[in-house]
Amino acid sequence: MRKFVLAAAIATSALGLAACGETADAVGETGDAMAADAESIAEDATAVAEEGAEAVEGAAAEAGEAVEGAAEATGEAAEAAAVEAEAMVEGE
């Protein structure tokens, strides 16, 4: 009888160890999958950030060109006003 109890205890321990080994493998696989998912998300976030940076650069360049155009137009208008003012002064 004692041999049966001892054999049952050993069998239970062996099954428990086997189950722990399988669980450890499953946890390892889950961890690997989570790491791969995190890496993929990080790559996607980096790509989105780069696209956003490119869009900001493009908008900044367009804004710079618009400012230059406005400055040119303002300068031309100031010159025209100066010429007109001089003509008015000479006409008096």
N, C-alpha and C. Protein backbone atom coordinates (compact mmCIF):
# COMPACT_ATOMS: atom_id res chain seq x y z
N MET A 1 0.83 -1.18 0.00
CA MET A 1 0.00 0.00 0.00
C MET A 1 0.88 1.25 0.00
N ARG A 2 1.92 1.21 0.80
CA ARG A 2 2.80 2.38 0.86
C ARG A 2 3.47 2.61 -0.49
N LYS A 3 3.77 1.54 -1.22
CA LYS A 3 4.40 1.68 -2.52
C LYS A 3 3.45 2.37 -3.50
N PHE A 4 2.16 2.05 -3.40
CA PHE A 4 1.18 2.70 -4.28
C PHE A 4 1.07 4.19 -3.97
N VAL A 5 1.07 4.53 -2.70
CA VAL A 5 0.97 5.94 -2.29
C VAL A 5 2.23 6.68 -2.74
N LEU A 6 3.36 6.07 -2.54
CA LEU A 6 4.62 6.68 -2.96
C LEU A 6 4.66 6.84 -4.48
N ALA A 7 4.23 5.81 -5.21
CA ALA A 7 4.19 5.87 -6.68
C ALA A 7 3.22 6.96 -7.14
N ALA A 8 2.08 7.10 -6.47
CA ALA A 8 1.11 8.13 -6.83
C ALA A 8 1.68 9.52 -6.57
N ALA A 9 2.40 9.68 -5.48
CA ALA A 9 3.01 10.97 -5.16
C ALA A 9 4.07 11.33 -6.19
N ILE A 10 4.86 10.34 -6.57
CA ILE A 10 5.90 10.59 -7.58
C ILE A 10 5.25 10.93 -8.92
N ALA A 11 4.20 10.21 -9.27
CA ALA A 11 3.51 10.48 -10.53
C ALA A 11 2.89 11.88 -10.53
N THR A 12 2.32 12.26 -9.41
CA THR A 12 1.73 13.61 -9.30
C THR A 12 2.80 14.67 -9.43
N SER A 13 3.93 14.45 -8.79
CA SER A 13 5.04 15.40 -8.90
C SER A 13 5.54 15.49 -10.33
N ALA A 14 5.67 14.36 -10.99
CA ALA A 14 6.14 14.35 -12.37
C ALA A 14 5.16 15.09 -13.28
N LEU A 15 3.87 14.86 -13.08
CA LEU A 15 2.88 15.57 -13.89
C LEU A 15 2.92 17.07 -13.62
N GLY A 16 3.11 17.44 -12.35
CA GLY A 16 3.20 18.86 -11.99
C GLY A 16 4.39 19.52 -12.65
N LEU A 17 5.55 18.83 -12.62
CA LEU A 17 6.74 19.37 -13.27
C LEU A 17 6.55 19.49 -14.78
N ALA A 18 5.92 18.50 -15.37
CA ALA A 18 5.67 18.54 -16.81
C ALA A 18 4.74 19.71 -17.15
N ALA A 19 3.72 19.90 -16.33
CA ALA A 19 2.79 21.02 -16.56
C ALA A 19 3.51 22.35 -16.41
N CYS A 20 4.40 22.47 -15.44
CA CYS A 20 5.15 23.71 -15.24
C CYS A 20 6.06 23.97 -16.43
N GLY A 21 6.66 22.92 -16.96
CA GLY A 21 7.53 23.07 -18.12
C GLY A 21 6.75 23.57 -19.33
N GLU A 22 5.56 23.01 -19.54
CA GLU A 22 4.73 23.46 -20.66
C GLU A 22 4.28 24.91 -20.44
N THR A 23 3.95 25.23 -19.19
CA THR A 23 3.52 26.60 -18.88
C THR A 23 4.66 27.57 -19.13
N ALA A 24 5.86 27.20 -18.73
CA ALA A 24 7.02 28.07 -18.94
C ALA A 24 7.26 28.29 -20.43
N ASP A 25 7.10 27.24 -21.23
CA ASP A 25 7.25 27.38 -22.68
C ASP A 25 6.19 28.32 -23.24
N ALA A 26 4.96 28.16 -22.78
CA ALA A 26 3.87 29.01 -23.25
C ALA A 26 4.10 30.46 -22.84
N VAL A 27 4.60 30.68 -21.63
CA VAL A 27 4.89 32.03 -21.18
C VAL A 27 6.00 32.64 -22.02
N GLY A 28 7.01 31.84 -22.32
CA GLY A 28 8.11 32.32 -23.16
C GLY A 28 7.62 32.70 -24.55
N GLU A 29 6.76 31.88 -25.13
CA GLU A 29 6.21 32.18 -26.46
C GLU A 29 5.35 33.43 -26.42
N THR A 30 4.56 33.57 -25.35
CA THR A 30 3.72 34.75 -25.21
C THR A 30 4.58 36.01 -25.07
N GLY A 31 5.64 35.90 -24.30
CA GLY A 31 6.56 37.03 -24.14
C GLY A 31 7.19 37.42 -25.45
N ASP A 32 7.60 36.43 -26.24
CA ASP A 32 8.19 36.71 -27.55
C ASP A 32 7.18 37.40 -28.48
N ALA A 33 5.94 36.91 -28.45
CA ALA A 33 4.90 37.51 -29.29
C ALA A 33 4.63 38.95 -28.86
N MET A 34 4.61 39.18 -27.56
CA MET A 34 4.37 40.55 -27.06
C MET A 34 5.52 41.47 -27.45
N ALA A 35 6.74 40.97 -27.39
CA ALA A 35 7.90 41.77 -27.79
C ALA A 35 7.83 42.11 -29.27
N ALA A 36 7.43 41.15 -30.09
CA ALA A 36 7.30 41.40 -31.53
C ALA A 36 6.21 42.44 -31.80
N ASP A 37 5.09 42.33 -31.08
CA ASP A 37 4.02 43.31 -31.23
C ASP A 37 4.49 44.70 -30.82
N ALA A 38 5.22 44.79 -29.73
CA ALA A 38 5.71 46.08 -29.25
C ALA A 38 6.68 46.69 -30.27
N GLU A 39 7.52 45.86 -30.85
CA GLU A 39 8.46 46.35 -31.86
C GLU A 39 7.72 46.86 -33.09
N SER A 40 6.69 46.13 -33.51
CA SER A 40 5.90 46.54 -34.66
C SER A 40 5.19 47.87 -34.39
N ILE A 41 4.65 48.02 -33.20
CA ILE A 41 3.98 49.27 -32.83
C ILE A 41 4.98 50.41 -32.80
N ALA A 42 6.16 50.17 -32.27
CA ALA A 42 7.19 51.20 -32.23
C ALA A 42 7.61 51.63 -33.63
N GLU A 43 7.74 50.67 -34.54
CA GLU A 43 8.09 50.98 -35.92
C GLU A 43 7.00 51.82 -36.59
N ASP A 44 5.73 51.44 -36.34
CA ASP A 44 4.61 52.20 -36.90
C ASP A 44 4.59 53.62 -36.35
N ALA A 45 4.83 53.77 -35.07
CA ALA A 45 4.84 55.10 -34.45
C ALA A 45 5.97 55.94 -35.01
N THR A 46 7.11 55.33 -35.24
CA THR A 46 8.25 56.06 -35.82
C THR A 46 7.93 56.52 -37.23
N ALA A 47 7.30 55.65 -38.01
CA ALA A 47 6.93 56.02 -39.39
C ALA A 47 5.94 57.18 -39.39
N VAL A 48 4.97 57.13 -38.49
CA VAL A 48 3.98 58.22 -38.42
C VAL A 48 4.66 59.52 -38.01
N ALA A 49 5.57 59.45 -37.05
CA ALA A 49 6.29 60.64 -36.60
C ALA A 49 7.13 61.23 -37.73
N GLU A 50 7.77 60.37 -38.52
CA GLU A 50 8.57 60.85 -39.64
C GLU A 50 7.70 61.52 -40.69
N GLU A 51 6.52 60.93 -40.96
CA GLU A 51 5.60 61.53 -41.92
C GLU A 51 5.13 62.89 -41.42
N GLY A 52 4.85 62.97 -40.13
CA GLY A 52 4.43 64.24 -39.54
C GLY A 52 5.52 65.29 -39.64
N ALA A 53 6.76 64.88 -39.40
CA ALA A 53 7.89 65.81 -39.50
C ALA A 53 8.04 66.32 -40.92
N GLU A 54 7.88 65.43 -41.89
CA GLU A 54 7.97 65.84 -43.30
C GLU A 54 6.86 66.83 -43.64
N ALA A 55 5.66 66.59 -43.12
CA ALA A 55 4.54 67.49 -43.38
C ALA A 55 4.80 68.86 -42.77
N VAL A 56 5.36 68.87 -41.57
CA VAL A 56 5.68 70.14 -40.91
C VAL A 56 6.75 70.89 -41.69
N GLU A 57 7.77 70.17 -42.17
CA GLU A 57 8.82 70.80 -42.97
C GLU A 57 8.23 71.42 -44.24
N GLY A 58 7.34 70.68 -44.89
CA GLY A 58 6.70 71.19 -46.11
C GLY A 58 5.87 72.43 -45.82
N ALA A 59 5.11 72.40 -44.72
CA ALA A 59 4.29 73.55 -44.36
C ALA A 59 5.17 74.75 -44.01
N ALA A 60 6.27 74.50 -43.34
CA ALA A 60 7.19 75.59 -42.98
C ALA A 60 7.80 76.21 -44.23
N ALA A 61 8.16 75.39 -45.19
CA ALA A 61 8.73 75.91 -46.44
C ALA A 61 7.70 76.75 -47.18
N GLU A 62 6.46 76.27 -47.23
CA GLU A 62 5.40 77.02 -47.90
C GLU A 62 5.15 78.35 -47.18
N ALA A 63 5.15 78.31 -45.86
CA ALA A 63 4.94 79.53 -45.08
C ALA A 63 6.08 80.52 -45.32
N GLY A 64 7.30 80.02 -45.38
CA GLY A 64 8.45 80.88 -45.65
C GLY A 64 8.33 81.55 -47.02
N GLU A 65 7.90 80.78 -48.02
CA GLU A 65 7.72 81.35 -49.36
C GLU A 65 6.62 82.40 -49.35
N ALA A 66 5.55 82.15 -48.61
CA ALA A 66 4.45 83.11 -48.53
C ALA A 66 4.92 84.40 -47.86
N VAL A 67 5.73 84.27 -46.81
CA VAL A 67 6.26 85.46 -46.12
C VAL A 67 7.16 86.25 -47.05
N GLU A 68 8.00 85.56 -47.80
CA GLU A 68 8.87 86.24 -48.76
C GLU A 68 8.05 86.98 -49.81
N GLY A 69 7.01 86.33 -50.30
CA GLY A 69 6.14 86.98 -51.30
C GLY A 69 5.45 88.21 -50.72
N ALA A 70 4.98 88.08 -49.49
CA ALA A 70 4.31 89.21 -48.84
C ALA A 70 5.30 90.35 -48.61
N ALA A 71 6.52 90.03 -48.25
CA ALA A 71 7.54 91.06 -48.02
C ALA A 71 7.86 91.78 -49.33
N GLU A 72 7.95 91.03 -50.41
CA GLU A 72 8.21 91.63 -51.72
C GLU A 72 7.08 92.57 -52.12
N ALA A 73 5.85 92.11 -51.94
CA ALA A 73 4.68 92.92 -52.30
C ALA A 73 4.63 94.18 -51.44
N THR A 74 4.95 94.05 -50.16
CA THR A 74 4.94 95.21 -49.27
C THR A 74 6.02 96.20 -49.68
N GLY A 75 7.20 95.70 -50.03
CA GLY A 75 8.28 96.57 -50.49
C GLY A 75 7.90 97.31 -51.76
N GLU A 76 7.29 96.59 -52.69
CA GLU A 76 6.87 97.21 -53.94
C GLU A 76 5.80 98.27 -53.69
N ALA A 77 4.87 97.97 -52.80
CA ALA A 77 3.82 98.94 -52.48
C ALA A 77 4.41 100.17 -51.80
N ALA A 78 5.40 99.97 -50.94
CA ALA A 78 6.04 101.10 -50.27
C ALA A 78 6.78 101.97 -51.28
N GLU A 79 7.45 101.34 -52.24
CA GLU A 79 8.15 102.10 -53.27
C GLU A 79 7.16 102.89 -54.11
N ALA A 80 6.06 102.28 -54.47
CA ALA A 80 5.05 102.97 -55.27
C ALA A 80 4.46 104.14 -54.49
N ALA A 81 4.23 103.96 -53.21
CA ALA A 81 3.69 105.04 -52.38
C ALA A 81 4.71 106.18 -52.27
N ALA A 82 5.98 105.85 -52.17
CA ALA A 82 7.02 106.86 -52.08
C ALA A 82 7.09 107.66 -53.37
N VAL A 83 7.00 106.97 -54.50
CA VAL A 83 7.04 107.65 -55.80
C VAL A 83 5.83 108.57 -55.93
N GLU A 84 4.68 108.09 -55.52
CA GLU A 84 3.46 108.89 -55.60
C GLU A 84 3.54 110.11 -54.67
N ALA A 85 4.08 109.92 -53.48
CA ALA A 85 4.22 111.03 -52.53
C ALA A 85 5.18 112.07 -53.08
N GLU A 86 6.25 111.60 -53.69
CA GLU A 86 7.25 112.53 -54.26
C GLU A 86 6.62 113.33 -55.41
N ALA A 87 5.81 112.64 -56.19
CA ALA A 87 5.14 113.31 -57.31
C ALA A 87 4.17 114.35 -56.79
N MET A 88 3.51 114.07 -55.70
CA MET A 88 2.57 115.03 -55.13
C MET A 88 3.30 116.25 -54.58
N VAL A 89 4.46 116.01 -53.96
CA VAL A 89 5.23 117.10 -53.39
C VAL A 89 5.77 117.99 -54.52
N GLU A 90 6.23 117.40 -55.58
CA GLU A 90 6.75 118.15 -56.71
C GLU A 90 5.64 118.90 -57.45
N GLY A 91 4.45 118.37 -57.40
CA GLY A 91 3.30 118.99 -58.08
C GLY A 91 2.80 120.20 -57.35
N GLU A 92 3.15 120.43 -56.13
CA GLU A 92 2.62 121.58 -55.38
C GLU A 92 3.27 122.84 -55.74
